[in-house]
């Protein structure tokens, strides 16, 4: 499932925008003057498809319509209940508050098929600061440590709903909206991407270090999976060899065996270079002719090794692409990847360098590439706000070429908001200009 068009009316009470998506490539770029709502549109799309009432409430708008490739339209309108919600205690009536509601409607052929009111409020067990960067400062009052804003419990849940663990998010969504969410996963890469604020103690962590730790975990999970598969194949190796199974279409010729063993050696070399395997010495096969038994043994060995190494195929392609891009950008530093550190940096004279010692542009580049290649599932729609941040003009001009490679490899689509003509470079055919209100 894909989004074909985004239409928004009454943005900030002034702007109406029509945005056709993915006309030529799996990428669309929105650009325009400051204040026309580029970032706000990304927030509204993310808030609708995740969904997050906090994001939807953060932007004034009258109507959002998202047309899908099955010709259905997801229509979103903010609304205020006509009947105020009166909260009653044993002793007295508390302050009267309006319910904050967003109406979702799914339309086909201009007919309302389903309608749903989303309040986004869910009473959680336990303290909010277990999961969110907030601190309780009074009854029903929570301090957002990032902005120093005081929020009610309801506002805190609504604003941070997208940041809560999956099992704690609003669960009472209609089936049709859940299916749309599953069909169009959203990954929002915001401008504040170099610093993470954790929940329990609001501690700060460099995002690039978090990416390195996460990559370490991913590599070690793959290695564990490969080890489990190896044990399984080793246990069944004698049985399969004796039974004459495991070689697929039949015994391999000697030329085929030598060619496949050479290909496996080349793949091991790539895996070592990507930090997925440790270097090892592989003995050279003797030049003498193989007898039939040797051919059978080597045939099973080759098939088993191909299975073991295939575990790394997807990760290998992603690591080689990120390495290729980074190596072409970083002039005085090198980035390597391994199972212990994830990412590690060194100067050109081979001195170790803390990842936090990379320039802000280098960190932005590494974090953005990691988000795209390792955190987004296939089929995800990526929302990227201002990819040009801290990047040199030459890097900005290469961004779209890199993004197209990544989109093809990782099976992504992307909606990009930018101020930079260098990001667009020579691909104005991918752009939609957002204009001010007509006069």
Protein backbone atom coordinates (compact mmCIF):
# COMPACT_ATOMS: atom_id res chain seq x y z
CA UNK A 1 0.00 0.00 0.00
CA UNK A 2 1.21 3.51 -0.86
CA UNK A 3 0.07 7.09 -0.40
CA UNK A 4 -0.71 8.79 -3.72
CA UNK A 5 -1.66 12.27 -2.57
CA UNK A 6 -1.75 14.47 0.53
CA UNK A 7 -4.22 17.34 0.72
CA UNK A 8 -4.39 19.77 3.61
CA UNK A 9 -6.76 22.68 4.18
CA UNK A 10 -6.61 25.43 6.75
CA UNK A 11 -3.03 24.85 7.84
CA UNK A 12 -2.37 27.59 10.42
CA UNK A 13 -5.72 28.97 9.27
CA UNK A 14 -4.13 30.20 6.03
CA UNK A 15 -2.59 27.54 3.80
CA UNK A 16 -4.07 24.90 1.49
CA UNK A 17 -1.58 22.46 -0.01
CA UNK A 18 -1.94 19.64 -2.54
CA UNK A 19 0.99 17.20 -2.66
CA UNK A 20 1.08 14.39 -5.26
CA UNK A 21 3.57 11.73 -4.22
CA UNK A 22 6.03 9.44 -6.00
CA UNK A 23 5.28 10.49 -9.57
CA UNK A 24 8.65 9.40 -11.02
CA UNK A 25 10.71 7.92 -8.20
CA UNK A 26 9.98 6.60 -4.70
CA UNK A 27 10.93 10.07 -3.41
CA UNK A 28 9.01 13.34 -3.22
CA UNK A 29 10.54 16.61 -2.01
CA UNK A 30 8.50 19.49 -0.60
CA UNK A 31 10.07 22.93 -0.51
CA UNK A 32 8.98 26.53 -0.03
CA UNK A 33 9.46 29.64 2.12
CA UNK A 34 9.74 29.48 5.90
CA UNK A 35 6.38 29.16 7.60
CA UNK A 36 4.37 27.44 4.85
CA UNK A 37 4.20 24.23 6.87
CA UNK A 38 6.77 21.76 5.53
CA UNK A 39 7.64 20.31 8.95
CA UNK A 40 4.01 20.51 10.08
CA UNK A 41 2.88 18.39 7.14
CA UNK A 42 5.39 15.68 8.11
CA UNK A 43 4.08 15.82 11.70
CA UNK A 44 0.46 15.48 10.56
CA UNK A 45 1.22 12.52 8.29
CA UNK A 46 3.16 10.80 11.08
CA UNK A 47 0.50 11.64 13.67
CA UNK A 48 -2.22 10.21 11.44
CA UNK A 49 -0.57 6.96 10.44
CA UNK A 50 1.07 6.03 13.74
CA UNK A 51 -1.22 7.63 15.14
CA UNK A 52 -0.28 10.28 17.75
CA UNK A 53 -2.83 12.77 18.99
CA UNK A 54 0.03 14.82 20.42
CA UNK A 55 1.42 15.45 16.94
CA UNK A 56 -2.04 16.08 15.50
CA UNK A 57 -2.80 18.59 18.23
CA UNK A 58 0.53 20.36 17.82
CA UNK A 59 -0.46 21.79 14.41
CA UNK A 60 -3.57 23.93 13.70
CA UNK A 61 -5.36 22.60 10.61
CA UNK A 62 -8.91 22.18 9.34
CA UNK A 63 -8.75 18.99 7.26
CA UNK A 64 -6.16 16.46 6.15
CA UNK A 65 -6.91 13.96 3.39
CA UNK A 66 -4.52 11.14 2.52
CA UNK A 67 -5.41 9.34 -0.73
CA UNK A 68 -4.16 5.75 -0.98
CA UNK A 69 -3.36 3.73 -4.08
CA UNK A 70 -6.58 1.70 -3.65
CA UNK A 71 -8.48 5.00 -4.20
CA UNK A 72 -9.64 5.16 -0.58
CA UNK A 73 -9.14 8.42 1.30
CA UNK A 74 -8.17 8.75 4.94
CA UNK A 75 -9.73 12.00 6.15
CA UNK A 76 -8.71 13.58 9.45
CA UNK A 77 -10.39 16.53 11.17
CA UNK A 78 -9.75 17.97 14.61
CA UNK A 79 -12.89 18.50 16.67
CA UNK A 80 -13.96 19.70 20.08
CA UNK A 81 -16.81 17.93 21.78
CA UNK A 82 -19.95 20.06 22.09
CA UNK A 83 -20.61 18.55 25.48
CA UNK A 84 -17.80 19.41 27.94
CA UNK A 85 -16.55 16.53 30.00
CA UNK A 86 -17.27 17.13 33.70
CA UNK A 87 -14.92 15.25 36.02
CA UNK A 88 -16.51 14.69 39.43
CA UNK A 89 -14.73 13.90 42.69
CA UNK A 90 -16.29 12.92 46.01
CA UNK A 91 -15.80 16.37 47.52
CA UNK A 92 -16.27 18.80 44.69
CA UNK A 93 -16.46 19.30 40.97
CA UNK A 94 -13.05 19.74 39.38
CA UNK A 95 -12.37 22.16 36.56
CA UNK A 96 -14.41 21.56 33.44
CA UNK A 97 -12.30 20.56 30.44
CA UNK A 98 -13.04 20.04 26.80
CA UNK A 99 -12.31 16.62 25.33
CA UNK A 100 -9.70 16.75 22.63
CA UNK A 101 -10.82 14.54 19.79
CA UNK A 102 -9.72 13.83 16.26
CA UNK A 103 -12.23 12.36 13.81
CA UNK A 104 -10.86 9.80 11.36
CA UNK A 105 -12.96 8.81 8.35
CA UNK A 106 -12.19 6.30 5.62
CA UNK A 107 -13.96 7.18 2.37
CA UNK A 108 -14.33 5.28 -0.88
CA UNK A 109 -16.09 6.69 -3.93
CA UNK A 110 -17.03 9.78 -1.90
CA UNK A 111 -19.02 7.68 0.54
CA UNK A 112 -18.19 7.40 4.24
CA UNK A 113 -17.27 3.80 4.92
CA UNK A 114 -15.98 4.03 8.47
CA UNK A 115 -15.68 6.79 11.05
CA UNK A 116 -13.80 6.83 14.31
CA UNK A 117 -13.17 9.32 17.13
CA UNK A 118 -9.66 9.17 18.58
CA UNK A 119 -8.95 10.77 21.96
CA UNK A 120 -5.58 9.13 22.39
CA UNK A 121 -5.87 8.99 26.18
CA UNK A 122 -5.05 5.77 27.97
CA UNK A 123 -4.50 5.53 31.71
CA UNK A 124 -1.19 3.73 32.22
CA UNK A 125 -0.10 1.73 35.21
CA UNK A 126 3.10 3.08 36.73
CA UNK A 127 4.87 6.41 36.48
CA UNK A 128 5.18 8.20 33.17
CA UNK A 129 8.87 8.93 33.79
CA UNK A 130 9.56 5.20 33.41
CA UNK A 131 9.20 5.74 29.66
CA UNK A 132 9.16 9.46 28.92
CA UNK A 133 11.48 12.45 29.50
CA UNK A 134 9.09 14.01 32.07
CA UNK A 135 9.08 14.57 35.83
CA UNK A 136 6.03 14.88 38.07
CA UNK A 137 5.89 18.30 39.74
CA UNK A 138 2.41 18.16 41.23
CA UNK A 139 -0.99 16.44 41.08
CA UNK A 140 -1.70 15.87 37.38
CA UNK A 141 1.28 18.05 36.46
CA UNK A 142 4.31 16.82 34.54
CA UNK A 143 7.40 18.78 33.48
CA UNK A 144 8.68 18.13 29.96
CA UNK A 145 12.43 18.28 30.62
CA UNK A 146 13.21 19.02 27.00
CA UNK A 147 11.09 22.18 26.81
CA UNK A 148 10.40 23.03 30.51
CA UNK A 149 6.68 22.99 29.64
CA UNK A 150 4.17 21.91 32.29
CA UNK A 151 1.70 19.32 30.99
CA UNK A 152 -1.33 17.56 32.43
CA UNK A 153 -1.38 13.75 32.50
CA UNK A 154 -3.74 13.74 29.51
CA UNK A 155 -1.58 16.17 27.54
CA UNK A 156 1.58 14.18 28.36
CA UNK A 157 0.07 10.92 27.09
CA UNK A 158 -1.27 12.59 23.98
CA UNK A 159 1.93 14.47 23.16
CA UNK A 160 4.28 11.52 23.71
CA UNK A 161 1.99 8.70 22.53
CA UNK A 162 4.32 7.84 19.63
CA UNK A 163 7.26 7.48 22.05
CA UNK A 164 5.59 5.00 24.38
CA UNK A 165 6.38 1.28 24.15
CA UNK A 166 4.17 -0.46 21.60
CA UNK A 167 2.18 -2.35 24.22
CA UNK A 168 1.31 0.87 26.07
CA UNK A 169 0.01 2.90 23.14
CA UNK A 170 -3.64 3.58 22.50
CA UNK A 171 -5.11 0.18 21.66
CA UNK A 172 -8.73 1.03 20.87
CA UNK A 173 -8.22 1.72 17.17
CA UNK A 174 -10.63 0.39 14.56
CA UNK A 175 -9.50 -2.55 12.46
CA UNK A 176 -9.52 -0.57 9.20
CA UNK A 177 -7.17 2.06 10.67
CA UNK A 178 -4.85 -0.62 12.06
CA UNK A 179 -4.70 -2.25 8.62
CA UNK A 180 -3.75 1.07 7.03
CA UNK A 181 -1.05 1.56 9.68
CA UNK A 182 0.37 -1.89 8.95
CA UNK A 183 0.23 -1.30 5.21
CA UNK A 184 2.07 2.03 5.43
CA UNK A 185 4.61 1.95 8.27
CA UNK A 186 5.96 5.43 9.01
CA UNK A 187 9.45 6.40 10.18
CA UNK A 188 9.90 10.09 11.00
CA UNK A 189 13.49 11.43 11.01
CA UNK A 190 13.21 14.80 12.72
CA UNK A 191 15.69 17.67 12.87
CA UNK A 192 16.75 16.93 16.46
CA UNK A 193 18.53 13.70 15.62
CA UNK A 194 21.94 13.95 17.30
CA UNK A 195 20.75 13.78 20.91
CA UNK A 196 18.48 11.30 22.65
CA UNK A 197 16.76 12.12 25.93
CA UNK A 198 15.96 9.00 27.93
CA UNK A 199 12.90 8.56 30.07
CA UNK A 200 13.58 7.53 33.66
CA UNK A 201 16.28 10.09 34.51
CA UNK A 202 16.08 12.26 31.37
CA UNK A 203 19.73 11.43 30.72
CA UNK A 204 21.18 12.50 27.39
CA UNK A 205 22.99 10.20 25.00
CA UNK A 206 24.64 10.89 21.67
CA UNK A 207 22.49 9.33 18.95
CA UNK A 208 25.56 8.24 17.00
CA UNK A 209 26.70 6.22 20.05
CA UNK A 210 23.24 4.71 20.36
CA UNK A 211 23.39 3.71 16.68
CA UNK A 212 26.78 2.07 17.28
CA UNK A 213 25.41 0.08 20.24
CA UNK A 214 22.35 -0.96 18.27
CA UNK A 215 24.51 -2.09 15.33
CA UNK A 216 26.61 -4.19 17.73
CA UNK A 217 23.43 -5.90 18.92
CA UNK A 218 22.22 -6.52 15.36
CA UNK A 219 25.55 -8.03 14.29
CA UNK A 220 25.73 -10.31 17.32
CA UNK A 221 22.15 -11.47 16.79
CA UNK A 222 23.10 -12.45 13.24
CA UNK A 223 26.20 -14.25 14.47
CA UNK A 224 24.13 -16.15 17.01
CA UNK A 225 21.65 -17.12 14.29
CA UNK A 226 24.49 -18.26 12.04
CA UNK A 227 26.02 -20.31 14.88
CA UNK A 228 22.68 -22.03 15.56
CA UNK A 229 22.29 -22.86 11.87
CA UNK A 230 25.89 -24.16 11.75
CA UNK A 231 25.26 -26.52 14.66
CA UNK A 232 22.11 -27.83 13.02
CA UNK A 233 23.88 -28.46 9.71
CA UNK A 234 26.91 -30.05 11.40
CA UNK A 235 24.70 -32.50 13.33
CA UNK A 236 22.93 -33.62 10.18
CA UNK A 237 26.01 -33.58 7.92
CA UNK A 238 26.92 -37.31 8.21
CA UNK A 239 23.32 -38.42 7.68
CA UNK A 240 22.86 -36.22 4.63
CA UNK A 241 26.21 -37.28 3.18
CA UNK A 242 25.49 -40.99 3.55
CA UNK A 243 21.94 -40.58 2.22
CA UNK A 244 23.29 -38.66 -0.78
CA UNK A 245 21.07 -35.62 -0.05
CA UNK A 246 22.04 -31.99 0.42
CA UNK A 247 23.59 -31.35 -2.98
CA UNK A 248 20.40 -30.12 -4.64
CA UNK A 249 20.21 -31.07 -8.29
CA UNK A 250 22.95 -33.70 -8.16
CA UNK A 251 26.73 -34.02 -7.78
CA UNK A 252 28.80 -31.01 -8.83
CA UNK A 253 31.57 -31.31 -11.37
CA UNK A 254 35.12 -30.53 -10.30
CA UNK A 255 35.07 -27.22 -12.19
CA UNK A 256 31.82 -26.25 -10.51
CA UNK A 257 33.25 -27.15 -7.10
CA UNK A 258 36.36 -25.03 -7.60
CA UNK A 259 34.30 -22.10 -8.90
CA UNK A 260 31.87 -22.24 -5.97
CA UNK A 261 34.69 -22.54 -3.40
CA UNK A 262 36.37 -19.52 -4.95
CA UNK A 263 33.08 -17.59 -4.76
CA UNK A 264 32.73 -18.54 -1.08
CA UNK A 265 36.25 -17.28 -0.39
CA UNK A 266 35.40 -13.98 -2.04
CA UNK A 267 32.24 -13.69 0.02
CA UNK A 268 34.14 -14.41 3.25
CA UNK A 269 36.54 -11.62 2.30
CA UNK A 270 33.61 -9.22 1.89
CA UNK A 271 32.12 -10.33 5.21
CA UNK A 272 35.45 -9.78 6.98
CA UNK A 273 35.72 -6.34 5.41
CA UNK A 274 32.20 -5.52 6.61
CA UNK A 275 33.06 -6.54 10.18
CA UNK A 276 30.68 -9.51 10.16
CA UNK A 277 33.32 -12.27 10.31
CA UNK A 278 36.77 -12.52 11.86
CA UNK A 279 39.72 -13.02 9.47
CA UNK A 280 40.70 -16.66 8.99
CA UNK A 281 43.08 -18.64 6.80
CA UNK A 282 41.36 -20.87 4.27
CA UNK A 283 43.64 -23.65 2.94
CA UNK A 284 44.07 -23.91 -0.82
CA UNK A 285 42.67 -27.01 -2.48
CA UNK A 286 45.27 -29.30 -4.05
CA UNK A 287 45.51 -29.31 -7.83
CA UNK A 288 44.94 -33.05 -8.12
CA UNK A 289 41.70 -34.44 -9.51
CA UNK A 290 38.84 -35.17 -7.11
CA UNK A 291 37.47 -38.66 -6.77
CA UNK A 292 33.73 -39.27 -6.55
CA UNK A 293 33.66 -39.41 -2.73
CA UNK A 294 35.53 -36.11 -2.45
CA UNK A 295 33.11 -34.49 -4.87
CA UNK A 296 30.13 -35.67 -2.80
CA UNK A 297 31.67 -34.39 0.45
CA UNK A 298 32.61 -31.04 -1.03
CA UNK A 299 29.17 -30.69 -2.64
CA UNK A 300 27.43 -30.98 0.74
CA UNK A 301 30.05 -28.73 2.36
CA UNK A 302 29.49 -26.03 -0.27
CA UNK A 303 25.72 -26.05 0.10
CA UNK A 304 26.01 -25.89 3.90
CA UNK A 305 28.48 -23.00 3.75
CA UNK A 306 26.27 -21.10 1.31
CA UNK A 307 23.38 -21.43 3.76
CA UNK A 308 25.51 -20.24 6.68
CA UNK A 309 26.82 -17.20 4.86
CA UNK A 310 23.43 -16.33 3.32
CA UNK A 311 22.31 -15.30 6.83
CA UNK A 312 24.46 -12.18 6.39
CA UNK A 313 23.36 -11.21 2.85
CA UNK A 314 20.97 -8.39 3.71
CA UNK A 315 23.20 -6.94 6.44
CA UNK A 316 26.23 -7.20 4.14
CA UNK A 317 24.54 -5.15 1.38
CA UNK A 318 23.53 -2.45 3.87
CA UNK A 319 26.95 -2.25 5.52
CA UNK A 320 28.75 -2.09 2.18
CA UNK A 321 26.46 0.73 1.03
CA UNK A 322 26.88 2.78 4.21
CA UNK A 323 30.65 2.21 4.10
CA UNK A 324 30.79 3.25 0.45
CA UNK A 325 28.91 6.49 1.12
CA UNK A 326 30.83 7.37 4.28
CA UNK A 327 34.22 6.60 2.72
CA UNK A 328 33.43 8.99 -0.13
CA UNK A 329 32.50 11.78 2.33
CA UNK A 330 34.86 11.67 5.32
CA UNK A 331 38.21 13.13 4.31
CA UNK A 332 40.41 12.92 7.39
CA UNK A 333 38.65 10.12 9.27
CA UNK A 334 37.68 6.53 8.62
CA UNK A 335 34.71 4.58 9.94
CA UNK A 336 34.92 0.83 10.47
CA UNK A 337 32.29 -1.65 11.61
CA UNK A 338 32.74 -4.61 13.94
CA UNK A 339 30.80 -6.79 16.36
CA UNK A 340 32.33 -5.18 19.48
CA UNK A 341 31.93 -1.45 18.85
CA UNK A 342 29.41 -1.28 16.03
CA UNK A 343 30.85 1.87 14.50
CA UNK A 344 34.37 2.95 15.36
CA UNK A 345 36.24 6.02 14.10
CA UNK A 346 39.92 6.61 13.48
CA UNK A 347 41.95 9.51 12.17
CA UNK A 348 43.87 9.12 8.91
CA UNK A 349 47.05 8.46 10.89
CA UNK A 350 45.17 5.56 12.57
CA UNK A 351 44.56 7.10 15.98
CA UNK A 352 41.26 6.08 17.64
CA UNK A 353 38.61 8.79 17.81
CA UNK A 354 35.46 8.96 19.94
CA UNK A 355 32.31 8.99 17.85
CA UNK A 356 31.30 12.15 19.67
CA UNK A 357 34.54 13.65 18.30
CA UNK A 358 33.16 13.52 14.77
CA UNK A 359 31.98 16.86 13.43
CA UNK A 360 28.26 17.63 13.62
CA UNK A 361 28.01 17.16 9.83
CA UNK A 362 29.72 13.76 10.03
CA UNK A 363 27.44 12.70 12.88
CA UNK A 364 24.35 13.88 10.98
CA UNK A 365 25.46 11.91 7.92
CA UNK A 366 26.14 8.73 9.89
CA UNK A 367 22.91 8.92 11.92
CA UNK A 368 20.78 9.67 8.85
CA UNK A 369 22.29 6.77 6.90
CA UNK A 370 21.85 4.42 9.84
CA UNK A 371 18.20 5.44 10.31
CA UNK A 372 17.49 4.76 6.65
CA UNK A 373 19.41 1.50 6.27
CA UNK A 374 18.90 -0.19 9.62
CA UNK A 375 15.83 1.18 11.40
CA UNK A 376 13.26 1.32 8.63
CA UNK A 377 11.47 -1.89 7.65
CA UNK A 378 10.82 -2.73 3.98
CA UNK A 379 7.74 -0.88 2.75
CA UNK A 380 8.21 1.98 5.18
CA UNK A 381 7.46 5.57 4.21
CA UNK A 382 10.30 7.73 5.51
CA UNK A 383 9.60 11.33 6.52
CA UNK A 384 12.85 13.33 6.53
CA UNK A 385 12.92 16.87 7.87
CA UNK A 386 15.78 19.09 6.67
CA UNK A 387 18.38 16.48 5.65
CA UNK A 388 20.77 19.35 4.86
CA UNK A 389 21.47 20.13 8.53
CA UNK A 390 25.23 20.64 9.11
CA UNK A 391 26.10 19.13 5.72
CA UNK A 392 28.58 20.76 3.33
CA UNK A 393 27.11 21.85 0.00
CA UNK A 394 28.98 19.06 -1.82
CA UNK A 395 27.44 16.51 0.56
CA UNK A 396 23.98 17.99 0.09
CA UNK A 397 24.27 17.65 -3.68
CA UNK A 398 24.97 13.92 -3.31
CA UNK A 399 22.12 13.29 -0.87
CA UNK A 400 19.39 12.40 -3.37
CA UNK A 401 21.62 10.00 -5.28
CA UNK A 402 22.40 8.23 -2.00
CA UNK A 403 18.74 8.23 -0.98
CA UNK A 404 17.66 6.66 -4.26
CA UNK A 405 20.20 3.86 -3.79
CA UNK A 406 19.01 3.29 -0.24
CA UNK A 407 15.33 3.38 -1.23
CA UNK A 408 15.94 0.69 -3.84
CA UNK A 409 17.97 -1.53 -1.52
CA UNK A 410 15.76 -1.14 1.56
CA UNK A 411 12.43 -0.94 -0.36
CA UNK A 412 11.47 2.47 1.04
CA UNK A 413 9.60 5.54 -0.09
CA UNK A 414 10.52 8.99 1.21
CA UNK A 415 8.86 12.36 1.69
CA UNK A 416 11.57 14.98 2.22
CA UNK A 417 11.11 18.55 3.49
CA UNK A 418 13.97 20.91 2.69
CA UNK A 419 15.02 24.55 2.39
CA UNK A 420 18.08 23.67 0.37
CA UNK A 421 18.31 23.87 -3.45
CA UNK A 422 21.55 21.89 -3.10
CA UNK A 423 19.57 18.92 -1.69
CA UNK A 424 17.30 19.09 -4.74
CA UNK A 425 20.34 19.67 -7.01
CA UNK A 426 19.32 18.51 -10.51
CA UNK A 427 16.15 16.62 -9.49
CA UNK A 428 13.52 19.36 -9.59
CA UNK A 429 11.27 16.81 -11.26
CA UNK A 430 10.80 15.24 -7.80
CA UNK A 431 9.70 18.46 -6.10
CA UNK A 432 6.39 19.99 -5.00
CA UNK A 433 6.55 23.67 -4.15
CA UNK A 434 4.42 24.85 -1.21
CA UNK A 435 3.15 28.37 -1.85
CA UNK A 436 1.66 31.01 0.40
CA UNK A 437 -2.08 31.81 0.50
CA UNK A 438 -3.44 33.10 -2.75
CA UNK A 439 -4.39 36.78 -2.76
